[in-house]
Amino acid sequence: MGFGFTVPLNESNRLYNYSLAKGALLDAGVYPITYAVHLMGQLPLQVMATGVFLDSGIDVQNCILFKFDTDVIAMLSSAINAEVGK
């Protein structure tokens, strides 16, 4: 499951401002993460993640894997430079 939207790259935009601690994980990733934890009723036992970063350090895409103790794996994604979850 994923959530994402397209925001044109503009360093004056708050989403691309490193000093505001923004990016895909904080602005879009919290939604699929929260939903997966709520749906499973527990925190994951293992977490693996990777992302795509701009030179400024802002993450624009993320892919996250959660493994729960019920042997369920959740595949999550978020982006601020691509439509996700449609």
PDB file of N, CA and C in Angstrom:
ATOM      1  N   MET A   1       0.844  -1.154   0.000  1.00  0.00           N
ATOM      2  CA  MET A   1       0.000   0.000   0.000  1.00  0.00           C
ATOM      3  C   MET A   1       0.892   1.219   0.000  1.00  0.00           C
ATOM      4  N   GLY A   2       0.417   2.258  -0.605  1.00  0.00           N
ATOM      5  CA  GLY A   2       1.250   3.439  -0.702  1.00  0.00           C
ATOM      6  C   GLY A   2       0.438   4.713  -0.782  1.00  0.00           C
ATOM      7  N   PHE A   3       1.128   5.801  -0.607  1.00  0.00           N
ATOM      8  CA  PHE A   3       0.516   7.111  -0.726  1.00  0.00           C
ATOM      9  C   PHE A   3       1.560   8.058  -1.288  1.00  0.00           C
ATOM     10  N   GLY A   4       1.174   8.810  -2.287  1.00  0.00           N
ATOM     11  CA  GLY A   4       2.096   9.768  -2.867  1.00  0.00           C
ATOM     12  C   GLY A   4       1.387  10.748  -3.763  1.00  0.00           C
ATOM     13  N   PHE A   5       2.069  11.800  -4.056  1.00  0.00           N
ATOM     14  CA  PHE A   5       1.529  12.861  -4.900  1.00  0.00           C
ATOM     15  C   PHE A   5       2.704  13.548  -5.576  1.00  0.00           C
ATOM     16  N   THR A   6       2.409  14.300  -6.612  1.00  0.00           N
ATOM     17  CA  THR A   6       3.457  14.979  -7.363  1.00  0.00           C
ATOM     18  C   THR A   6       3.484  16.460  -7.005  1.00  0.00           C
ATOM     19  N   VAL A   7       4.622  16.902  -6.547  1.00  0.00           N
ATOM     20  CA  VAL A   7       4.856  18.320  -6.281  1.00  0.00           C
ATOM     21  C   VAL A   7       6.080  18.713  -7.100  1.00  0.00           C
ATOM     22  N   PRO A   8       5.944  19.694  -7.992  1.00  0.00           N
ATOM     23  CA  PRO A   8       7.095  20.097  -8.800  1.00  0.00           C
ATOM     24  C   PRO A   8       8.291  20.477  -7.921  1.00  0.00           C
ATOM     25  N   LEU A   9       9.469  20.085  -8.369  1.00  0.00           N
ATOM     26  CA  LEU A   9      10.694  20.379  -7.623  1.00  0.00           C
ATOM     27  C   LEU A   9      10.920  21.880  -7.577  1.00  0.00           C
ATOM     28  N   ASN A  10      10.880  22.415  -6.375  1.00  0.00           N
ATOM     29  CA  ASN A  10      11.094  23.834  -6.135  1.00  0.00           C
ATOM     30  C   ASN A  10      11.646  23.951  -4.719  1.00  0.00           C
ATOM     31  N   GLU A  11      12.889  24.316  -4.584  1.00  0.00           N
ATOM     32  CA  GLU A  11      13.532  24.321  -3.276  1.00  0.00           C
ATOM     33  C   GLU A  11      12.931  25.319  -2.300  1.00  0.00           C
ATOM     34  N   SER A  12      12.105  26.246  -2.786  1.00  0.00           N
ATOM     35  CA  SER A  12      11.429  27.158  -1.864  1.00  0.00           C
ATOM     36  C   SER A  12      10.143  26.541  -1.310  1.00  0.00           C
ATOM     37  N   ASN A  13       9.687  25.440  -1.916  1.00  0.00           N
ATOM     38  CA  ASN A  13       8.517  24.724  -1.411  1.00  0.00           C
ATOM     39  C   ASN A  13       8.892  24.013  -0.118  1.00  0.00           C
ATOM     40  N   ARG A  14       8.025  24.041   0.886  1.00  0.00           N
ATOM     41  CA  ARG A  14       8.325  23.441   2.190  1.00  0.00           C
ATOM     42  C   ARG A  14       8.656  21.957   2.097  1.00  0.00           C
ATOM     43  N   LEU A  15       8.100  21.246   1.109  1.00  0.00           N
ATOM     44  CA  LEU A  15       8.362  19.814   0.974  1.00  0.00           C
ATOM     45  C   LEU A  15       9.803  19.521   0.586  1.00  0.00           C
ATOM     46  N   TYR A  16      10.442  20.467  -0.059  1.00  0.00           N
ATOM     47  CA  TYR A  16      11.818  20.278  -0.515  1.00  0.00           C
ATOM     48  C   TYR A  16      12.822  21.076   0.323  1.00  0.00           C
ATOM     49  N   ASN A  17      12.385  21.559   1.471  1.00  0.00           N
ATOM     50  CA  ASN A  17      13.234  22.382   2.330  1.00  0.00           C
ATOM     51  C   ASN A  17      13.819  21.522   3.449  1.00  0.00           C
ATOM     52  N   TYR A  18      15.111  21.245   3.360  1.00  0.00           N
ATOM     53  CA  TYR A  18      15.777  20.366   4.332  1.00  0.00           C
ATOM     54  C   TYR A  18      15.705  20.927   5.750  1.00  0.00           C
ATOM     55  N   SER A  19      15.774  22.233   5.891  1.00  0.00           N
ATOM     56  CA  SER A  19      15.754  22.835   7.232  1.00  0.00           C
ATOM     57  C   SER A  19      14.407  22.660   7.921  1.00  0.00           C
ATOM     58  N   LEU A  20      13.372  22.345   7.157  1.00  0.00           N
ATOM     59  CA  LEU A  20      12.051  22.092   7.736  1.00  0.00           C
ATOM     60  C   LEU A  20      11.810  20.603   7.975  1.00  0.00           C
ATOM     61  N   ALA A  21      12.841  19.777   7.747  1.00  0.00           N
ATOM     62  CA  ALA A  21      12.751  18.319   7.962  1.00  0.00           C
ATOM     63  C   ALA A  21      11.575  17.726   7.199  1.00  0.00           C
ATOM     64  N   LYS A  22      11.500  18.041   5.942  1.00  0.00           N
ATOM     65  CA  LYS A  22      10.399  17.546   5.114  1.00  0.00           C
ATOM     66  C   LYS A  22      10.873  16.435   4.204  1.00  0.00           C
ATOM     67  N   GLY A  23       9.971  15.955   3.361  1.00  0.00           N
ATOM     68  CA  GLY A  23      10.295  14.884   2.434  1.00  0.00           C
ATOM     69  C   GLY A  23       9.160  13.879   2.374  1.00  0.00           C
ATOM     70  N   ALA A  24       9.359  12.844   1.583  1.00  0.00           N
ATOM     71  CA  ALA A  24       8.311  11.859   1.331  1.00  0.00           C
ATOM     72  C   ALA A  24       7.912  11.084   2.581  1.00  0.00           C
ATOM     73  N   LEU A  25       8.867  10.677   3.377  1.00  0.00           N
ATOM     74  CA  LEU A  25       8.536   9.862   4.547  1.00  0.00           C
ATOM     75  C   LEU A  25       7.687  10.636   5.544  1.00  0.00           C
ATOM     76  N   LEU A  26       8.057  11.864   5.834  1.00  0.00           N
ATOM     77  CA  LEU A  26       7.322  12.640   6.830  1.00  0.00           C
ATOM     78  C   LEU A  26       6.005  13.199   6.306  1.00  0.00           C
ATOM     79  N   ASP A  27       5.919  13.492   5.022  1.00  0.00           N
ATOM     80  CA  ASP A  27       4.700  14.097   4.494  1.00  0.00           C
ATOM     81  C   ASP A  27       3.724  13.104   3.884  1.00  0.00           C
ATOM     82  N   ALA A  28       4.197  11.966   3.423  1.00  0.00           N
ATOM     83  CA  ALA A  28       3.307  10.979   2.799  1.00  0.00           C
ATOM     84  C   ALA A  28       3.445   9.599   3.431  1.00  0.00           C
ATOM     85  N   GLY A  29       4.633   9.245   3.879  1.00  0.00           N
ATOM     86  CA  GLY A  29       4.883   7.904   4.400  1.00  0.00           C
ATOM     87  C   GLY A  29       4.180   7.580   5.700  1.00  0.00           C
ATOM     88  N   VAL A  30       3.861   8.596   6.480  1.00  0.00           N
ATOM     89  CA  VAL A  30       3.194   8.340   7.757  1.00  0.00           C
ATOM     90  C   VAL A  30       1.830   7.689   7.568  1.00  0.00           C
ATOM     91  N   TYR A  31       1.170   7.927   6.446  1.00  0.00           N
ATOM     92  CA  TYR A  31      -0.176   7.383   6.241  1.00  0.00           C
ATOM     93  C   TYR A  31      -0.167   5.874   6.013  1.00  0.00           C
ATOM     94  N   PRO A  32       0.602   5.329   5.072  1.00  0.00           N
ATOM     95  CA  PRO A  32       0.618   3.870   4.943  1.00  0.00           C
ATOM     96  C   PRO A  32       1.246   3.179   6.159  1.00  0.00           C
ATOM     97  N   ILE A  33       2.224   3.807   6.796  1.00  0.00           N
ATOM     98  CA  ILE A  33       2.831   3.213   7.994  1.00  0.00           C
ATOM     99  C   ILE A  33       1.799   3.108   9.112  1.00  0.00           C
ATOM    100  N   THR A  34       1.094   4.192   9.376  1.00  0.00           N
ATOM    101  CA  THR A  34       0.080   4.194  10.429  1.00  0.00           C
ATOM    102  C   THR A  34      -1.025   3.194  10.129  1.00  0.00           C
ATOM    103  N   TYR A  35      -1.456   3.128   8.877  1.00  0.00           N
ATOM    104  CA  TYR A  35      -2.520   2.198   8.501  1.00  0.00           C
ATOM    105  C   TYR A  35      -2.080   0.752   8.702  1.00  0.00           C
ATOM    106  N   ALA A  36      -0.863   0.409   8.293  1.00  0.00           N
ATOM    107  CA  ALA A  36      -0.372  -0.969   8.441  1.00  0.00           C
ATOM    108  C   ALA A  36      -0.292  -1.365   9.913  1.00  0.00           C
ATOM    109  N   VAL A  37       0.228  -0.492  10.751  1.00  0.00           N
ATOM    110  CA  VAL A  37       0.335  -0.795  12.184  1.00  0.00           C
ATOM    111  C   VAL A  37      -1.058  -0.916  12.802  1.00  0.00           C
ATOM    112  N   HIS A  38      -1.964  -0.033  12.422  1.00  0.00           N
ATOM    113  CA  HIS A  38      -3.340  -0.100  12.932  1.00  0.00           C
ATOM    114  C   HIS A  38      -4.028  -1.391  12.482  1.00  0.00           C
ATOM    115  N   LEU A  39      -3.872  -1.734  11.215  1.00  0.00           N
ATOM    116  CA  LEU A  39      -4.496  -2.937  10.662  1.00  0.00           C
ATOM    117  C   LEU A  39      -3.984  -4.200  11.352  1.00  0.00           C
ATOM    118  N   MET A  40      -2.689  -4.257  11.621  1.00  0.00           N
ATOM    119  CA  MET A  40      -2.096  -5.436  12.257  1.00  0.00           C
ATOM    120  C   MET A  40      -2.263  -5.428  13.780  1.00  0.00           C
ATOM    121  N   GLY A  41      -2.495  -4.263  14.352  1.00  0.00           N
ATOM    122  CA  GLY A  41      -2.671  -4.176  15.797  1.00  0.00           C
ATOM    123  C   GLY A  41      -1.383  -4.366  16.583  1.00  0.00           C
ATOM    124  N   GLN A  42      -0.259  -4.159  15.938  1.00  0.00           N
ATOM    125  CA  GLN A  42       1.036  -4.338  16.591  1.00  0.00           C
ATOM    126  C   GLN A  42       2.121  -3.627  15.792  1.00  0.00           C
ATOM    127  N   LEU A  43       3.234  -3.405  16.447  1.00  0.00           N
ATOM    128  CA  LEU A  43       4.395  -2.855  15.752  1.00  0.00           C
ATOM    129  C   LEU A  43       5.124  -3.979  15.027  1.00  0.00           C
ATOM    130  N   PRO A  44       5.802  -3.672  13.929  1.00  0.00           N
ATOM    131  CA  PRO A  44       6.538  -4.720  13.215  1.00  0.00           C
ATOM    132  C   PRO A  44       7.757  -5.190  14.011  1.00  0.00           C
ATOM    133  N   LEU A  45       8.128  -6.452  13.773  1.00  0.00           N
ATOM    134  CA  LEU A  45       9.341  -6.999  14.389  1.00  0.00           C
ATOM    135  C   LEU A  45      10.585  -6.569  13.631  1.00  0.00           C
ATOM    136  N   GLN A  46      10.452  -6.456  12.313  1.00  0.00           N
ATOM    137  CA  GLN A  46      11.574  -6.056  11.464  1.00  0.00           C
ATOM    138  C   GLN A  46      11.116  -4.972  10.504  1.00  0.00           C
ATOM    139  N   VAL A  47      12.027  -4.056  10.212  1.00  0.00           N
ATOM    140  CA  VAL A  47      11.764  -2.982   9.253  1.00  0.00           C
ATOM    141  C   VAL A  47      12.961  -2.881   8.316  1.00  0.00           C
ATOM    142  N   MET A  48      12.684  -2.858   7.022  1.00  0.00           N
ATOM    143  CA  MET A  48      13.716  -2.600   6.016  1.00  0.00           C
ATOM    144  C   MET A  48      13.201  -1.483   5.127  1.00  0.00           C
ATOM    145  N   ALA A  49      14.083  -0.594   4.727  1.00  0.00           N
ATOM    146  CA  ALA A  49      13.640   0.531   3.910  1.00  0.00           C
ATOM    147  C   ALA A  49      14.766   1.025   3.013  1.00  0.00           C
ATOM    148  N   THR A  50      14.358   1.648   1.933  1.00  0.00           N
ATOM    149  CA  THR A  50      15.292   2.323   1.043  1.00  0.00           C
ATOM    150  C   THR A  50      14.578   3.542   0.480  1.00  0.00           C
ATOM    151  N   GLY A  51      15.331   4.427  -0.114  1.00  0.00           N
ATOM    152  CA  GLY A  51      14.714   5.624  -0.645  1.00  0.00           C
ATOM    153  C   GLY A  51      15.529   6.259  -1.750  1.00  0.00           C
ATOM    154  N   VAL A  52      14.917   7.244  -2.372  1.00  0.00           N
ATOM    155  CA  VAL A  52      15.567   8.059  -3.394  1.00  0.00           C
ATOM    156  C   VAL A  52      15.713   9.455  -2.794  1.00  0.00           C
ATOM    157  N   PHE A  53      16.942   9.960  -2.811  1.00  0.00           N
ATOM    158  CA  PHE A  53      17.241  11.240  -2.177  1.00  0.00           C
ATOM    159  C   PHE A  53      17.774  12.248  -3.191  1.00  0.00           C
ATOM    160  N   LEU A  54      17.405  13.503  -2.998  1.00  0.00           N
ATOM    161  CA  LEU A  54      17.984  14.597  -3.777  1.00  0.00           C
ATOM    162  C   LEU A  54      19.350  14.945  -3.198  1.00  0.00           C
ATOM    163  N   ASP A  55      20.133  15.708  -3.925  1.00  0.00           N
ATOM    164  CA  ASP A  55      21.436  16.152  -3.423  1.00  0.00           C
ATOM    165  C   ASP A  55      21.306  16.932  -2.114  1.00  0.00           C
ATOM    166  N   SER A  56      20.159  17.559  -1.905  1.00  0.00           N
ATOM    167  CA  SER A  56      19.922  18.334  -0.683  1.00  0.00           C
ATOM    168  C   SER A  56      19.688  17.448   0.532  1.00  0.00           C
ATOM    169  N   GLY A  57      19.474  16.141   0.302  1.00  0.00           N
ATOM    170  CA  GLY A  57      19.197  15.218   1.400  1.00  0.00           C
ATOM    171  C   GLY A  57      17.728  14.916   1.592  1.00  0.00           C
ATOM    172  N   ILE A  58      16.870  15.598   0.854  1.00  0.00           N
ATOM    173  CA  ILE A  58      15.428  15.352   0.949  1.00  0.00           C
ATOM    174  C   ILE A  58      15.094  14.042   0.253  1.00  0.00           C
ATOM    175  N   ASP A  59      14.304  13.204   0.933  1.00  0.00           N
ATOM    176  CA  ASP A  59      13.844  11.960   0.317  1.00  0.00           C
ATOM    177  C   ASP A  59      12.588  12.241  -0.500  1.00  0.00           C
ATOM    178  N   VAL A  60      12.573  11.766  -1.741  1.00  0.00           N
ATOM    179  CA  VAL A  60      11.415  11.990  -2.609  1.00  0.00           C
ATOM    180  C   VAL A  60      10.611  10.712  -2.837  1.00  0.00           C
ATOM    181  N   GLN A  61      11.213   9.559  -2.575  1.00  0.00           N
ATOM    182  CA  GLN A  61      10.509   8.277  -2.680  1.00  0.00           C
ATOM    183  C   GLN A  61      11.038   7.339  -1.604  1.00  0.00           C
ATOM    184  N   ASN A  62      10.138   6.488  -1.091  1.00  0.00           N
ATOM    185  CA  ASN A  62      10.517   5.499  -0.089  1.00  0.00           C
ATOM    186  C   ASN A  62       9.828   4.179  -0.382  1.00  0.00           C
ATOM    187  N   CYS A  63      10.506   3.100  -0.059  1.00  0.00           N
ATOM    188  CA  CYS A  63       9.923   1.765  -0.088  1.00  0.00           C
ATOM    189  C   CYS A  63      10.256   1.126   1.258  1.00  0.00           C
ATOM    190  N   ILE A  64       9.237   0.637   1.944  1.00  0.00           N
ATOM    191  CA  ILE A  64       9.406   0.134   3.305  1.00  0.00           C
ATOM    192  C   ILE A  64       8.781  -1.248   3.405  1.00  0.00           C
ATOM    193  N   LEU A  65       9.476  -2.170   4.049  1.00  0.00           N
ATOM    194  CA  LEU A  65       8.946  -3.502   4.329  1.00  0.00           C
ATOM    195  C   LEU A  65       8.827  -3.667   5.835  1.00  0.00           C
ATOM    196  N   PHE A  66       7.653  -4.095   6.282  1.00  0.00           N
ATOM    197  CA  PHE A  66       7.431  -4.440   7.687  1.00  0.00           C
ATOM    198  C   PHE A  66       7.209  -5.938   7.762  1.00  0.00           C
ATOM    199  N   LYS A  67       7.844  -6.598   8.720  1.00  0.00           N
ATOM    200  CA  LYS A  67       7.544  -8.003   8.994  1.00  0.00           C
ATOM    201  C   LYS A  67       6.970  -8.078  10.401  1.00  0.00           C
ATOM    202  N   PHE A  68       5.778  -8.672  10.484  1.00  0.00           N
ATOM    203  CA  PHE A  68       5.095  -8.799  11.765  1.00  0.00           C
ATOM    204  C   PHE A  68       5.271 -10.207  12.316  1.00  0.00           C
ATOM    205  N   ASP A  69       5.006 -10.386  13.612  1.00  0.00           N
ATOM    206  CA  ASP A  69       5.224 -11.694  14.226  1.00  0.00           C
ATOM    207  C   ASP A  69       4.216 -12.746  13.768  1.00  0.00           C
ATOM    208  N   THR A  70       3.251 -12.346  12.977  1.00  0.00           N
ATOM    209  CA  THR A  70       2.274 -13.281  12.416  1.00  0.00           C
ATOM    210  C   THR A  70       2.713 -13.773  11.044  1.00  0.00           C
ATOM    211  N   ASP A  71       3.980 -13.550  10.693  1.00  0.00           N
ATOM    212  CA  ASP A  71       4.537 -13.887   9.380  1.00  0.00           C
ATOM    213  C   ASP A  71       3.846 -13.143   8.243  1.00  0.00           C
ATOM    214  N   VAL A  72       3.309 -11.982   8.550  1.00  0.00           N
ATOM    215  CA  VAL A  72       2.735 -11.095   7.539  1.00  0.00           C
ATOM    216  C   VAL A  72       3.786 -10.055   7.180  1.00  0.00           C
ATOM    217  N   ILE A  73       3.934  -9.792   5.885  1.00  0.00           N
ATOM    218  CA  ILE A  73       4.844  -8.757   5.408  1.00  0.00           C
ATOM    219  C   ILE A  73       4.019  -7.660   4.746  1.00  0.00           C
ATOM    220  N   ALA A  74       4.251  -6.429   5.155  1.00  0.00           N
ATOM    221  CA  ALA A  74       3.586  -5.279   4.548  1.00  0.00           C
ATOM    222  C   ALA A  74       4.595  -4.546   3.673  1.00  0.00           C
ATOM    223  N   MET A  75       4.203  -4.273   2.433  1.00  0.00           N
ATOM    224  CA  MET A  75       5.037  -3.510   1.501  1.00  0.00           C
ATOM    225  C   MET A  75       4.421  -2.121   1.369  1.00  0.00           C
ATOM    226  N   LEU A  76       5.159  -1.113   1.779  1.00  0.00           N
ATOM    227  CA  LEU A  76       4.651   0.253   1.829  1.00  0.00           C
ATOM    228  C   LEU A  76       5.507   1.157   0.953  1.00  0.00           C
ATOM    229  N   SER A  77       4.898   2.219   0.447  1.00  0.00           N
ATOM    230  CA  SER A  77       5.661   3.179  -0.347  1.00  0.00           C
ATOM    231  C   SER A  77       5.090   4.577  -0.166  1.00  0.00           C
ATOM    232  N   SER A  78       5.949   5.551  -0.396  1.00  0.00           N
ATOM    233  CA  SER A  78       5.509   6.941  -0.361  1.00  0.00           C
ATOM    234  C   SER A  78       6.370   7.753  -1.317  1.00  0.00           C
ATOM    235  N   ALA A  79       5.807   8.854  -1.782  1.00  0.00           N
ATOM    236  CA  ALA A  79       6.528   9.709  -2.726  1.00  0.00           C
ATOM    237  C   ALA A  79       5.947  11.116  -2.715  1.00  0.00           C
ATOM    238  N   ILE A  80       6.810  12.070  -3.021  1.00  0.00           N
ATOM    239  CA  ILE A  80       6.334  13.438  -3.250  1.00  0.00           C
ATOM    240  C   ILE A  80       6.629  13.872  -4.680  1.00  0.00           C
ATOM    241  N   ASN A  81       7.116  12.938  -5.487  1.00  0.00           N
ATOM    242  CA  ASN A  81       7.394  13.249  -6.895  1.00  0.00           C
ATOM    243  C   ASN A  81       6.723  12.259  -7.843  1.00  0.00           C
ATOM    244  N   ALA A  82       5.731  11.516  -7.334  1.00  0.00           N
ATOM    245  CA  ALA A  82       5.024  10.538  -8.169  1.00  0.00           C
ATOM    246  C   ALA A  82       3.678  10.215  -7.534  1.00  0.00           C
ATOM    247  N   GLU A  83       2.696   9.948  -8.367  1.00  0.00           N
ATOM    248  CA  GLU A  83       1.393   9.514  -7.877  1.00  0.00           C
ATOM    249  C   GLU A  83       1.518   8.062  -7.424  1.00  0.00           C
ATOM    250  N   VAL A  84       1.109   7.768  -6.212  1.00  0.00           N
ATOM    251  CA  VAL A  84       1.198   6.421  -5.655  1.00  0.00           C
ATOM    252  C   VAL A  84      -0.156   6.049  -5.071  1.00  0.00           C
ATOM    253  N   GLY A  85      -0.547   4.796  -5.252  1.00  0.00           N
ATOM    254  CA  GLY A  85      -1.752   4.296  -4.606  1.00  0.00           C
ATOM    255  C   GLY A  85      -3.042   4.547  -5.342  1.00  0.00           C
ATOM    256  N   LYS A  86      -2.956   4.887  -6.611  1.00  0.00           N
ATOM    257  CA  LYS A  86      -4.188   5.116  -7.377  1.00  0.00           C
ATOM    258  C   LYS A  86      -4.538   3.901  -8.176  1.00  0.00           C
TER     259      LYS A  86
END
